[in-house]
């Protein structure tokens, strides 16, 4: 397994970080799982954004496992990616099924066990197909949610002031008067935009 890092916009630049790849991989898994967990604060928010991200990874795993497409797009080919495509497609189906009951107002909730596992699944797939640095683009909404918590806590510890009215970010918008369905809808739109943008980066050299 290669310890090279693939940069989305600079595919010719693939530095080999050697043993540092191990802590890097751990960081990817920890951040992705916790980012999804932090987003799971409104009915249907985390699972809807996750389903979009899983859909993007369904496409990414397919092209990573296809010899001709992977060569054309300068991607690292991962032959077993066909199985990952099925796995990601299953996550999309499961996400849609869960969203039916988790949409506002929710009847069921995934809890920490579900959100941490789903985030870990995204991180694992990204590591396997060597798209670790594309993951923050695919799941940009998750990243922004997690960063809002980091910034909020860091700012309060250092200066005693809060940057947001409340963290994670979706609670900030609740505090300024947005309704829960509006927050979910707009965050979902942003997730779709970022997911589509991540797919367009495949052609960029």
N, C-alpha and C. Protein backbone atom coordinates (compact mmCIF):
# COMPACT_ATOMS: atom_id res chain seq x y z
N UNK A 1 0.85 -1.19 0.00
CA UNK A 1 0.00 0.00 0.00
C UNK A 1 0.88 1.23 0.00
N UNK A 2 0.61 2.18 -0.88
CA UNK A 2 1.43 3.36 -1.06
C UNK A 2 1.22 4.38 0.07
N UNK A 3 2.31 5.03 0.45
CA UNK A 3 2.23 6.10 1.45
C UNK A 3 2.32 7.47 0.79
N UNK A 4 2.04 7.52 -0.51
CA UNK A 4 2.03 8.79 -1.22
C UNK A 4 0.71 9.52 -0.96
N UNK A 5 0.78 10.84 -1.03
CA UNK A 5 -0.40 11.69 -0.86
C UNK A 5 -0.76 12.30 -2.22
N UNK A 6 -2.01 12.16 -2.61
CA UNK A 6 -2.49 12.69 -3.88
C UNK A 6 -3.19 14.02 -3.64
N UNK A 7 -2.73 15.07 -4.33
CA UNK A 7 -3.35 16.38 -4.21
C UNK A 7 -4.38 16.56 -5.33
N UNK A 8 -5.63 16.92 -4.99
CA UNK A 8 -6.70 16.99 -5.99
C UNK A 8 -6.40 17.87 -7.20
N UNK A 9 -5.77 19.02 -6.99
CA UNK A 9 -5.55 19.96 -8.09
C UNK A 9 -4.15 19.85 -8.70
N UNK A 10 -3.29 19.04 -8.09
CA UNK A 10 -1.91 18.90 -8.57
C UNK A 10 -1.54 17.42 -8.59
N UNK A 11 -2.09 16.70 -9.55
CA UNK A 11 -1.95 15.25 -9.56
C UNK A 11 -0.53 14.78 -9.85
N UNK A 12 0.30 15.65 -10.42
CA UNK A 12 1.68 15.26 -10.69
C UNK A 12 2.52 15.35 -9.41
N UNK A 13 2.00 16.05 -8.42
CA UNK A 13 2.72 16.23 -7.14
C UNK A 13 2.21 15.21 -6.15
N UNK A 14 2.99 14.14 -5.95
CA UNK A 14 2.56 13.05 -5.06
C UNK A 14 3.68 12.72 -4.06
N UNK A 15 3.85 13.53 -3.05
CA UNK A 15 4.93 13.29 -2.08
C UNK A 15 4.71 12.01 -1.28
N UNK A 16 5.78 11.29 -1.05
CA UNK A 16 5.73 10.07 -0.24
C UNK A 16 6.13 10.44 1.18
N UNK A 17 5.19 10.34 2.11
CA UNK A 17 5.47 10.77 3.48
C UNK A 17 5.92 9.62 4.38
N UNK A 18 6.11 8.43 3.80
CA UNK A 18 6.66 7.30 4.55
C UNK A 18 5.84 6.92 5.77
N UNK A 19 6.54 6.77 6.91
CA UNK A 19 5.87 6.32 8.14
C UNK A 19 4.89 7.35 8.68
N UNK A 20 5.01 8.61 8.24
CA UNK A 20 4.07 9.63 8.68
C UNK A 20 2.66 9.38 8.17
N UNK A 21 2.56 8.48 7.18
CA UNK A 21 1.23 8.17 6.65
C UNK A 21 0.36 7.51 7.71
N UNK A 22 0.97 6.78 8.63
CA UNK A 22 0.19 6.09 9.68
C UNK A 22 -0.54 7.09 10.57
N UNK A 23 0.17 8.07 11.19
CA UNK A 23 -0.59 9.07 11.98
C UNK A 23 -1.52 9.92 11.12
N UNK A 24 -1.13 10.13 9.86
CA UNK A 24 -2.00 10.89 8.94
C UNK A 24 -3.31 10.14 8.74
N UNK A 25 -3.24 8.82 8.52
CA UNK A 25 -4.43 8.01 8.32
C UNK A 25 -5.31 8.01 9.57
N UNK A 26 -4.68 7.93 10.74
CA UNK A 26 -5.43 7.98 12.00
C UNK A 26 -6.15 9.31 12.13
N UNK A 27 -5.45 10.39 11.76
CA UNK A 27 -6.05 11.72 11.84
C UNK A 27 -7.26 11.83 10.91
N UNK A 28 -7.15 11.27 9.71
CA UNK A 28 -8.27 11.30 8.76
C UNK A 28 -9.48 10.58 9.35
N UNK A 29 -9.26 9.41 9.92
CA UNK A 29 -10.36 8.63 10.48
C UNK A 29 -11.00 9.32 11.69
N UNK A 30 -10.16 9.85 12.57
CA UNK A 30 -10.67 10.52 13.77
C UNK A 30 -11.46 11.77 13.40
N UNK A 31 -10.90 12.57 12.48
CA UNK A 31 -11.57 13.81 12.11
C UNK A 31 -12.89 13.53 11.37
N UNK A 32 -12.87 12.58 10.44
CA UNK A 32 -14.08 12.31 9.66
C UNK A 32 -15.20 11.76 10.53
N UNK A 33 -14.87 10.85 11.44
CA UNK A 33 -15.91 10.28 12.30
C UNK A 33 -16.49 11.33 13.25
N UNK A 34 -15.63 12.17 13.82
CA UNK A 34 -16.11 13.18 14.75
C UNK A 34 -16.83 14.32 14.04
N UNK A 35 -16.42 14.63 12.81
CA UNK A 35 -17.10 15.69 12.06
C UNK A 35 -18.55 15.33 11.78
N UNK A 36 -18.79 14.08 11.40
CA UNK A 36 -20.17 13.63 11.17
C UNK A 36 -20.94 13.64 12.48
N UNK A 37 -20.28 13.22 13.54
CA UNK A 37 -20.92 13.19 14.85
C UNK A 37 -21.35 14.59 15.30
N UNK A 38 -20.50 15.58 15.08
CA UNK A 38 -20.82 16.95 15.48
C UNK A 38 -21.96 17.54 14.65
N UNK A 39 -22.10 17.05 13.43
CA UNK A 39 -23.16 17.56 12.54
C UNK A 39 -24.53 17.00 12.91
N UNK A 40 -24.54 15.90 13.63
CA UNK A 40 -25.79 15.22 13.96
C UNK A 40 -26.50 15.92 15.11
N UNK A 41 -26.97 17.15 14.84
CA UNK A 41 -27.63 17.91 15.89
C UNK A 41 -29.04 18.35 15.54
N UNK A 42 -29.41 18.16 14.27
CA UNK A 42 -30.77 18.49 13.83
C UNK A 42 -31.35 17.28 13.09
N UNK A 43 -32.65 17.18 13.09
CA UNK A 43 -33.32 16.04 12.46
C UNK A 43 -32.99 15.97 10.97
N UNK A 44 -32.37 14.87 10.57
CA UNK A 44 -32.10 14.64 9.16
C UNK A 44 -30.87 15.33 8.61
N UNK A 45 -30.20 16.17 9.40
CA UNK A 45 -29.08 16.96 8.87
C UNK A 45 -27.89 16.08 8.52
N UNK A 46 -27.37 15.34 9.49
CA UNK A 46 -26.16 14.55 9.25
C UNK A 46 -26.38 13.47 8.20
N UNK A 47 -27.50 12.76 8.29
CA UNK A 47 -27.71 11.63 7.38
C UNK A 47 -27.94 12.10 5.95
N UNK A 48 -28.58 13.25 5.76
CA UNK A 48 -28.80 13.74 4.40
C UNK A 48 -27.48 14.16 3.76
N UNK A 49 -26.64 14.85 4.52
CA UNK A 49 -25.33 15.26 4.00
C UNK A 49 -24.44 14.05 3.79
N UNK A 50 -24.50 13.10 4.71
CA UNK A 50 -23.72 11.87 4.56
C UNK A 50 -24.13 11.12 3.30
N UNK A 51 -25.42 11.04 3.01
CA UNK A 51 -25.89 10.32 1.83
C UNK A 51 -25.36 10.94 0.55
N UNK A 52 -25.30 12.27 0.51
CA UNK A 52 -24.72 12.96 -0.64
C UNK A 52 -23.24 12.62 -0.78
N UNK A 53 -22.51 12.65 0.34
CA UNK A 53 -21.09 12.32 0.31
C UNK A 53 -20.86 10.88 -0.11
N UNK A 54 -21.70 9.98 0.38
CA UNK A 54 -21.58 8.57 0.00
C UNK A 54 -21.86 8.39 -1.49
N UNK A 55 -22.79 9.17 -2.03
CA UNK A 55 -23.05 9.13 -3.46
C UNK A 55 -21.85 9.55 -4.27
N UNK A 56 -21.17 10.61 -3.79
CA UNK A 56 -19.95 11.07 -4.47
C UNK A 56 -18.87 9.99 -4.43
N UNK A 57 -18.74 9.32 -3.30
CA UNK A 57 -17.73 8.27 -3.18
C UNK A 57 -18.11 7.03 -3.97
N UNK A 58 -19.39 6.83 -4.23
CA UNK A 58 -19.79 5.74 -5.12
C UNK A 58 -19.18 5.96 -6.51
N UNK A 59 -19.25 7.20 -6.98
CA UNK A 59 -18.66 7.53 -8.28
C UNK A 59 -17.13 7.46 -8.22
N UNK A 60 -16.55 7.96 -7.14
CA UNK A 60 -15.08 7.97 -7.00
C UNK A 60 -14.51 6.57 -6.95
N UNK A 61 -15.17 5.67 -6.23
CA UNK A 61 -14.68 4.30 -6.15
C UNK A 61 -14.80 3.59 -7.49
N UNK A 62 -15.86 3.92 -8.24
CA UNK A 62 -16.03 3.29 -9.55
C UNK A 62 -14.89 3.68 -10.49
N UNK A 63 -14.59 4.96 -10.56
CA UNK A 63 -13.53 5.40 -11.49
C UNK A 63 -12.16 4.93 -11.01
N UNK A 64 -11.99 4.79 -9.70
CA UNK A 64 -10.71 4.31 -9.16
C UNK A 64 -10.47 2.84 -9.49
N UNK A 65 -11.55 2.08 -9.67
CA UNK A 65 -11.41 0.66 -9.98
C UNK A 65 -11.44 0.35 -11.45
N UNK A 66 -11.74 1.35 -12.28
CA UNK A 66 -11.82 1.15 -13.73
C UNK A 66 -10.47 1.52 -14.34
N UNK A 67 -9.80 0.55 -14.94
CA UNK A 67 -8.43 0.75 -15.42
C UNK A 67 -8.32 1.92 -16.40
N UNK A 68 -9.16 1.95 -17.41
CA UNK A 68 -9.07 2.98 -18.44
C UNK A 68 -9.38 4.37 -17.89
N UNK A 69 -10.45 4.46 -17.08
CA UNK A 69 -10.84 5.77 -16.55
C UNK A 69 -9.79 6.27 -15.55
N UNK A 70 -9.31 5.37 -14.69
CA UNK A 70 -8.30 5.76 -13.71
C UNK A 70 -7.03 6.26 -14.38
N UNK A 71 -6.62 5.59 -15.46
CA UNK A 71 -5.42 6.02 -16.18
C UNK A 71 -5.65 7.38 -16.85
N UNK A 72 -6.82 7.57 -17.43
CA UNK A 72 -7.12 8.83 -18.11
C UNK A 72 -7.16 10.00 -17.13
N UNK A 73 -7.71 9.77 -15.93
CA UNK A 73 -7.85 10.83 -14.94
C UNK A 73 -6.63 10.95 -14.02
N UNK A 74 -5.60 10.15 -14.28
CA UNK A 74 -4.38 10.15 -13.46
C UNK A 74 -4.67 9.82 -12.00
N UNK A 75 -5.52 8.83 -11.80
CA UNK A 75 -5.85 8.38 -10.45
C UNK A 75 -5.07 7.13 -10.11
N UNK A 76 -4.85 6.93 -8.82
CA UNK A 76 -4.25 5.67 -8.37
C UNK A 76 -5.30 4.58 -8.50
N UNK A 77 -5.00 3.57 -9.34
CA UNK A 77 -5.99 2.51 -9.55
C UNK A 77 -6.00 1.56 -8.36
N UNK A 78 -7.21 1.26 -7.90
CA UNK A 78 -7.40 0.34 -6.79
C UNK A 78 -8.34 -0.75 -7.27
N UNK A 79 -7.78 -1.88 -7.75
CA UNK A 79 -8.60 -2.94 -8.37
C UNK A 79 -9.80 -3.41 -7.54
N UNK A 80 -9.67 -3.56 -6.20
CA UNK A 80 -10.85 -4.02 -5.44
C UNK A 80 -11.92 -2.94 -5.25
N UNK A 81 -11.75 -1.78 -5.90
CA UNK A 81 -12.69 -0.68 -5.69
C UNK A 81 -14.10 -1.03 -6.15
N UNK A 82 -14.24 -2.07 -6.98
CA UNK A 82 -15.58 -2.49 -7.39
C UNK A 82 -16.43 -2.87 -6.20
N UNK A 83 -15.82 -3.56 -5.25
CA UNK A 83 -16.54 -3.92 -4.02
C UNK A 83 -16.87 -2.67 -3.20
N UNK A 84 -15.94 -1.68 -3.22
CA UNK A 84 -16.20 -0.44 -2.48
C UNK A 84 -17.34 0.35 -3.12
N UNK A 85 -17.48 0.24 -4.44
CA UNK A 85 -18.60 0.90 -5.11
C UNK A 85 -19.92 0.34 -4.60
N UNK A 86 -19.98 -0.98 -4.46
CA UNK A 86 -21.19 -1.61 -3.92
C UNK A 86 -21.42 -1.17 -2.48
N UNK A 87 -20.32 -1.11 -1.71
CA UNK A 87 -20.42 -0.68 -0.31
C UNK A 87 -20.95 0.74 -0.21
N UNK A 88 -20.39 1.65 -1.01
CA UNK A 88 -20.83 3.05 -0.98
C UNK A 88 -22.28 3.19 -1.47
N UNK A 89 -22.61 2.42 -2.51
CA UNK A 89 -24.00 2.42 -2.98
C UNK A 89 -24.96 1.94 -1.91
N UNK A 90 -24.50 0.96 -1.14
CA UNK A 90 -25.33 0.45 -0.03
C UNK A 90 -25.51 1.51 1.04
N UNK A 91 -24.45 2.30 1.28
CA UNK A 91 -24.55 3.39 2.26
C UNK A 91 -25.56 4.44 1.80
N UNK A 92 -25.58 4.70 0.50
CA UNK A 92 -26.57 5.65 -0.05
C UNK A 92 -27.98 5.12 0.20
N UNK A 93 -28.20 3.86 -0.13
CA UNK A 93 -29.52 3.26 0.08
C UNK A 93 -29.93 3.24 1.54
N UNK A 94 -28.98 2.87 2.39
CA UNK A 94 -29.26 2.84 3.83
C UNK A 94 -29.54 4.25 4.35
N UNK A 95 -28.77 5.22 3.83
CA UNK A 95 -28.97 6.61 4.26
C UNK A 95 -30.34 7.13 3.88
N UNK A 96 -30.78 6.82 2.67
CA UNK A 96 -32.11 7.26 2.23
C UNK A 96 -33.21 6.59 3.05
N UNK A 97 -33.01 5.30 3.33
CA UNK A 97 -33.99 4.59 4.15
C UNK A 97 -34.08 5.15 5.55
N UNK A 98 -32.92 5.48 6.13
CA UNK A 98 -32.91 6.05 7.48
C UNK A 98 -33.49 7.47 7.47
N UNK A 99 -33.20 8.24 6.42
CA UNK A 99 -33.69 9.60 6.33
C UNK A 99 -35.21 9.66 6.30
N UNK A 100 -35.84 8.61 5.77
CA UNK A 100 -37.31 8.55 5.73
C UNK A 100 -37.89 8.70 7.13
N UNK A 101 -37.20 8.12 8.11
CA UNK A 101 -37.68 8.17 9.49
C UNK A 101 -36.98 9.23 10.34
N UNK A 102 -35.84 9.74 9.86
CA UNK A 102 -35.07 10.72 10.62
C UNK A 102 -35.34 12.15 10.16
N UNK A 103 -36.11 12.31 9.06
CA UNK A 103 -36.40 13.66 8.58
C UNK A 103 -37.28 14.40 9.59
N UNK A 104 -37.22 15.71 9.55
CA UNK A 104 -37.93 16.56 10.50
C UNK A 104 -39.45 16.42 10.37
N UNK A 105 -40.16 16.20 11.48
CA UNK A 105 -39.67 15.86 12.83
C UNK A 105 -39.33 14.37 12.93
N UNK A 106 -38.19 14.06 13.48
CA UNK A 106 -37.65 12.70 13.45
C UNK A 106 -38.41 11.73 14.34
N UNK A 107 -38.51 10.49 13.84
CA UNK A 107 -39.09 9.40 14.63
C UNK A 107 -38.00 8.54 15.25
N UNK A 108 -36.84 8.46 14.57
CA UNK A 108 -35.72 7.68 15.09
C UNK A 108 -34.45 8.51 14.99
N UNK A 109 -33.44 8.14 15.78
CA UNK A 109 -32.17 8.87 15.82
C UNK A 109 -31.02 7.89 15.74
N UNK A 110 -29.93 8.30 15.10
CA UNK A 110 -28.80 7.39 14.95
C UNK A 110 -27.89 7.38 16.17
N UNK A 111 -27.79 8.49 16.90
CA UNK A 111 -26.94 8.54 18.08
C UNK A 111 -25.47 8.55 17.71
N UNK A 112 -24.62 8.54 18.73
CA UNK A 112 -23.17 8.57 18.52
C UNK A 112 -22.67 7.33 17.80
N UNK A 113 -23.24 6.19 18.11
CA UNK A 113 -22.80 4.93 17.48
C UNK A 113 -22.97 5.01 15.96
N UNK A 114 -24.10 5.53 15.52
CA UNK A 114 -24.34 5.62 14.09
C UNK A 114 -23.50 6.68 13.42
N UNK A 115 -23.46 7.89 13.98
CA UNK A 115 -22.74 8.99 13.34
C UNK A 115 -21.24 8.75 13.30
N UNK A 116 -20.68 8.22 14.38
CA UNK A 116 -19.24 7.94 14.39
C UNK A 116 -18.88 6.85 13.38
N UNK A 117 -19.75 5.83 13.28
CA UNK A 117 -19.50 4.74 12.34
C UNK A 117 -19.59 5.23 10.89
N UNK A 118 -20.57 6.07 10.59
CA UNK A 118 -20.72 6.57 9.23
C UNK A 118 -19.55 7.46 8.84
N UNK A 119 -19.13 8.31 9.76
CA UNK A 119 -17.97 9.14 9.48
C UNK A 119 -16.71 8.33 9.29
N UNK A 120 -16.57 7.28 10.09
CA UNK A 120 -15.42 6.39 9.93
C UNK A 120 -15.45 5.66 8.60
N UNK A 121 -16.66 5.33 8.12
CA UNK A 121 -16.79 4.65 6.83
C UNK A 121 -16.30 5.55 5.70
N UNK A 122 -16.68 6.82 5.74
CA UNK A 122 -16.22 7.77 4.71
C UNK A 122 -14.70 7.89 4.73
N UNK A 123 -14.14 8.02 5.93
CA UNK A 123 -12.69 8.15 6.05
C UNK A 123 -11.97 6.92 5.55
N UNK A 124 -12.50 5.75 5.85
CA UNK A 124 -11.87 4.50 5.41
C UNK A 124 -11.87 4.37 3.90
N UNK A 125 -13.00 4.68 3.28
CA UNK A 125 -13.08 4.61 1.82
C UNK A 125 -12.10 5.59 1.18
N UNK A 126 -12.03 6.80 1.73
CA UNK A 126 -11.11 7.81 1.20
C UNK A 126 -9.66 7.33 1.29
N UNK A 127 -9.31 6.67 2.38
CA UNK A 127 -7.94 6.15 2.55
C UNK A 127 -7.66 5.03 1.55
N UNK A 128 -8.62 4.16 1.34
CA UNK A 128 -8.41 3.01 0.46
C UNK A 128 -8.21 3.41 -1.00
N UNK A 129 -8.92 4.44 -1.44
CA UNK A 129 -8.80 4.84 -2.85
C UNK A 129 -7.84 6.04 -3.01
N UNK A 130 -7.11 6.36 -1.95
CA UNK A 130 -6.10 7.43 -2.00
C UNK A 130 -6.70 8.79 -2.35
N UNK A 131 -7.84 9.09 -1.76
CA UNK A 131 -8.47 10.39 -1.97
C UNK A 131 -8.67 11.09 -0.62
N UNK A 132 -7.66 10.97 0.23
CA UNK A 132 -7.76 11.55 1.57
C UNK A 132 -7.95 13.07 1.53
N UNK A 133 -7.27 13.73 0.60
CA UNK A 133 -7.35 15.19 0.53
C UNK A 133 -8.56 15.67 -0.25
N UNK A 134 -9.24 14.76 -0.92
CA UNK A 134 -10.50 15.12 -1.57
C UNK A 134 -11.66 15.00 -0.59
N UNK A 135 -11.48 14.22 0.45
CA UNK A 135 -12.53 14.02 1.46
C UNK A 135 -13.02 15.34 2.06
N UNK A 136 -12.12 16.30 2.41
CA UNK A 136 -12.62 17.57 2.96
C UNK A 136 -13.46 18.38 1.97
N UNK A 137 -13.31 18.12 0.68
CA UNK A 137 -14.14 18.81 -0.30
C UNK A 137 -15.48 18.10 -0.43
N UNK A 138 -15.43 16.78 -0.53
CA UNK A 138 -16.68 15.98 -0.61
C UNK A 138 -17.56 16.26 0.62
N UNK A 139 -16.95 16.26 1.78
CA UNK A 139 -17.68 16.48 3.02
C UNK A 139 -17.41 17.85 3.62
N UNK A 140 -17.40 18.88 2.78
CA UNK A 140 -17.04 20.23 3.24
C UNK A 140 -17.96 20.73 4.35
N UNK A 141 -19.23 20.38 4.29
CA UNK A 141 -20.15 20.82 5.34
C UNK A 141 -19.77 20.20 6.68
N UNK A 142 -19.37 18.94 6.67
CA UNK A 142 -18.90 18.30 7.89
C UNK A 142 -17.66 19.01 8.43
N UNK A 143 -16.76 19.37 7.52
CA UNK A 143 -15.52 20.07 7.91
C UNK A 143 -15.85 21.41 8.55
N UNK A 144 -16.76 22.16 7.94
CA UNK A 144 -17.12 23.47 8.48
C UNK A 144 -17.78 23.34 9.86
N UNK A 145 -18.58 22.31 10.02
CA UNK A 145 -19.21 22.08 11.33
C UNK A 145 -18.15 21.80 12.41
N UNK A 146 -17.19 20.94 12.06
CA UNK A 146 -16.14 20.60 13.02
C UNK A 146 -15.23 21.80 13.30
N UNK A 147 -14.88 22.54 12.26
CA UNK A 147 -14.02 23.71 12.44
C UNK A 147 -14.70 24.78 13.29
N UNK A 148 -16.02 24.89 13.17
CA UNK A 148 -16.74 25.89 13.97
C UNK A 148 -16.59 25.60 15.46
N UNK A 149 -16.57 24.31 15.81
CA UNK A 149 -16.39 23.92 17.21
C UNK A 149 -14.96 24.22 17.66
N UNK A 150 -13.98 23.90 16.80
CA UNK A 150 -12.58 24.14 17.13
C UNK A 150 -12.32 25.64 17.32
N UNK A 151 -12.85 26.44 16.38
CA UNK A 151 -12.67 27.90 16.46
C UNK A 151 -13.36 28.46 17.70
N UNK A 152 -14.56 27.99 17.97
CA UNK A 152 -15.32 28.48 19.11
C UNK A 152 -14.60 28.19 20.43
N UNK A 153 -14.17 26.95 20.60
CA UNK A 153 -13.49 26.57 21.83
C UNK A 153 -12.15 27.28 21.95
N UNK A 154 -11.39 27.33 20.85
CA UNK A 154 -10.09 27.98 20.87
C UNK A 154 -10.21 29.46 21.18
N UNK A 155 -11.16 30.13 20.56
CA UNK A 155 -11.35 31.56 20.79
C UNK A 155 -11.75 31.85 22.23
N UNK A 156 -12.64 31.00 22.77
CA UNK A 156 -13.10 31.22 24.15
C UNK A 156 -11.98 30.97 25.16
N UNK A 157 -11.14 29.97 24.88
CA UNK A 157 -10.03 29.67 25.78
C UNK A 157 -8.97 30.78 25.76
N UNK A 158 -8.71 31.33 24.56
CA UNK A 158 -7.63 32.30 24.41
C UNK A 158 -8.06 33.73 24.72
N UNK A 159 -9.28 34.09 24.32
CA UNK A 159 -9.71 35.48 24.46
C UNK A 159 -10.92 35.67 25.36
N UNK A 160 -11.60 34.58 25.69
CA UNK A 160 -12.81 34.69 26.48
C UNK A 160 -14.02 35.13 25.68
N UNK A 161 -13.87 35.18 24.35
CA UNK A 161 -14.97 35.60 23.48
C UNK A 161 -15.37 34.47 22.55
N UNK A 162 -16.64 34.47 22.19
CA UNK A 162 -17.15 33.47 21.26
C UNK A 162 -17.27 34.07 19.85
N UNK A 163 -16.86 33.28 18.86
CA UNK A 163 -16.96 33.71 17.47
C UNK A 163 -18.40 33.54 16.98
N UNK A 164 -18.99 32.43 17.36
CA UNK A 164 -20.38 32.12 16.95
C UNK A 164 -21.29 32.22 18.16
N UNK A 165 -22.56 32.42 17.90
CA UNK A 165 -23.51 32.46 19.01
C UNK A 165 -23.58 31.12 19.72
N UNK A 166 -23.39 30.05 18.93
CA UNK A 166 -23.39 28.69 19.48
C UNK A 166 -22.73 27.77 18.46
N UNK A 167 -22.03 26.78 18.92
CA UNK A 167 -21.40 25.80 18.03
C UNK A 167 -21.94 24.41 18.37
N UNK A 168 -21.96 23.50 17.36
CA UNK A 168 -21.54 23.61 15.96
C UNK A 168 -22.35 24.64 15.17
N UNK A 169 -21.94 24.81 13.92
CA UNK A 169 -22.43 25.89 13.08
C UNK A 169 -23.95 25.90 12.91
N UNK A 170 -24.58 24.72 12.83
CA UNK A 170 -26.03 24.71 12.61
C UNK A 170 -26.78 25.33 13.79
N UNK A 171 -26.20 25.23 15.00
CA UNK A 171 -26.85 25.86 16.15
C UNK A 171 -26.71 27.38 16.12
N UNK A 172 -25.64 27.87 15.51
CA UNK A 172 -25.47 29.31 15.33
C UNK A 172 -26.62 29.87 14.50
N UNK A 173 -26.95 29.17 13.42
CA UNK A 173 -28.04 29.64 12.57
C UNK A 173 -29.40 29.50 13.25
N UNK A 174 -29.53 28.53 14.13
CA UNK A 174 -30.75 28.44 14.94
C UNK A 174 -30.89 29.68 15.82
N UNK A 175 -29.77 30.10 16.41
CA UNK A 175 -29.79 31.23 17.32
C UNK A 175 -30.10 32.55 16.62
N UNK A 176 -29.77 32.65 15.32
CA UNK A 176 -30.06 33.91 14.62
C UNK A 176 -31.44 33.89 13.96
N UNK A 177 -32.19 32.80 14.18
CA UNK A 177 -33.59 32.81 13.77
C UNK A 177 -33.98 31.91 12.62
N UNK A 178 -33.02 31.16 12.06
CA UNK A 178 -33.39 30.25 10.97
C UNK A 178 -34.18 29.08 11.54
N UNK A 179 -35.19 28.64 10.82
CA UNK A 179 -35.95 27.46 11.25
C UNK A 179 -35.13 26.20 10.96
N UNK A 180 -35.46 25.13 11.66
CA UNK A 180 -34.73 23.87 11.47
C UNK A 180 -34.83 23.35 10.04
N UNK A 181 -36.02 23.31 9.42
CA UNK A 181 -36.09 22.85 8.03
C UNK A 181 -35.26 23.71 7.08
N UNK A 182 -35.20 25.03 7.32
CA UNK A 182 -34.41 25.91 6.45
C UNK A 182 -32.93 25.60 6.57
N UNK A 183 -32.44 25.39 7.78
CA UNK A 183 -31.03 25.06 7.98
C UNK A 183 -30.69 23.76 7.27
N UNK A 184 -31.53 22.76 7.45
CA UNK A 184 -31.28 21.45 6.83
C UNK A 184 -31.27 21.57 5.31
N UNK A 185 -32.23 22.29 4.77
CA UNK A 185 -32.33 22.43 3.31
C UNK A 185 -31.11 23.15 2.74
N UNK A 186 -30.69 24.23 3.38
CA UNK A 186 -29.57 25.01 2.86
C UNK A 186 -28.24 24.30 3.04
N UNK A 187 -28.08 23.60 4.14
CA UNK A 187 -26.86 22.82 4.33
C UNK A 187 -26.80 21.68 3.31
N UNK A 188 -27.95 21.10 3.01
CA UNK A 188 -27.99 20.02 2.03
C UNK A 188 -27.65 20.54 0.63
N UNK A 189 -28.14 21.73 0.29
CA UNK A 189 -27.79 22.33 -1.00
C UNK A 189 -26.27 22.54 -1.08
N UNK A 190 -25.69 23.06 0.00
CA UNK A 190 -24.24 23.27 0.04
C UNK A 190 -23.51 21.95 -0.12
N UNK A 191 -24.01 20.88 0.52
CA UNK A 191 -23.37 19.56 0.43
C UNK A 191 -23.38 19.04 -1.00
N UNK A 192 -24.49 19.23 -1.70
CA UNK A 192 -24.59 18.78 -3.10
C UNK A 192 -23.61 19.56 -3.97
N UNK A 193 -23.51 20.86 -3.76
CA UNK A 193 -22.58 21.69 -4.54
C UNK A 193 -21.15 21.23 -4.32
N UNK A 194 -20.76 21.03 -3.08
CA UNK A 194 -19.39 20.59 -2.79
C UNK A 194 -19.12 19.20 -3.35
N UNK A 195 -20.10 18.31 -3.26
CA UNK A 195 -19.91 16.96 -3.79
C UNK A 195 -19.71 16.98 -5.30
N UNK A 196 -20.51 17.79 -6.01
CA UNK A 196 -20.36 17.90 -7.45
C UNK A 196 -19.03 18.55 -7.82
N UNK A 197 -18.63 19.54 -7.04
CA UNK A 197 -17.34 20.19 -7.29
C UNK A 197 -16.19 19.21 -7.10
N UNK A 198 -16.31 18.34 -6.11
CA UNK A 198 -15.25 17.35 -5.87
C UNK A 198 -15.09 16.43 -7.07
N UNK A 199 -16.20 16.10 -7.72
CA UNK A 199 -16.13 15.23 -8.90
C UNK A 199 -15.50 15.95 -10.09
N UNK A 200 -15.71 17.26 -10.18
CA UNK A 200 -15.09 18.00 -11.28
C UNK A 200 -13.58 18.08 -11.13
N UNK A 201 -13.07 17.98 -9.90
CA UNK A 201 -11.62 18.05 -9.70
C UNK A 201 -10.90 16.84 -10.30
N UNK A 202 -11.64 15.78 -10.59
CA UNK A 202 -11.00 14.59 -11.16
C UNK A 202 -10.35 14.90 -12.51
N UNK A 203 -10.93 15.86 -13.24
CA UNK A 203 -10.40 16.19 -14.57
C UNK A 203 -9.28 17.21 -14.49
N UNK A 204 -9.19 17.93 -13.36
CA UNK A 204 -8.15 18.95 -13.22
C UNK A 204 -6.80 18.30 -13.01
N UNK A 205 -5.79 18.79 -13.72
CA UNK A 205 -4.45 18.21 -13.61
C UNK A 205 -3.54 19.11 -12.76
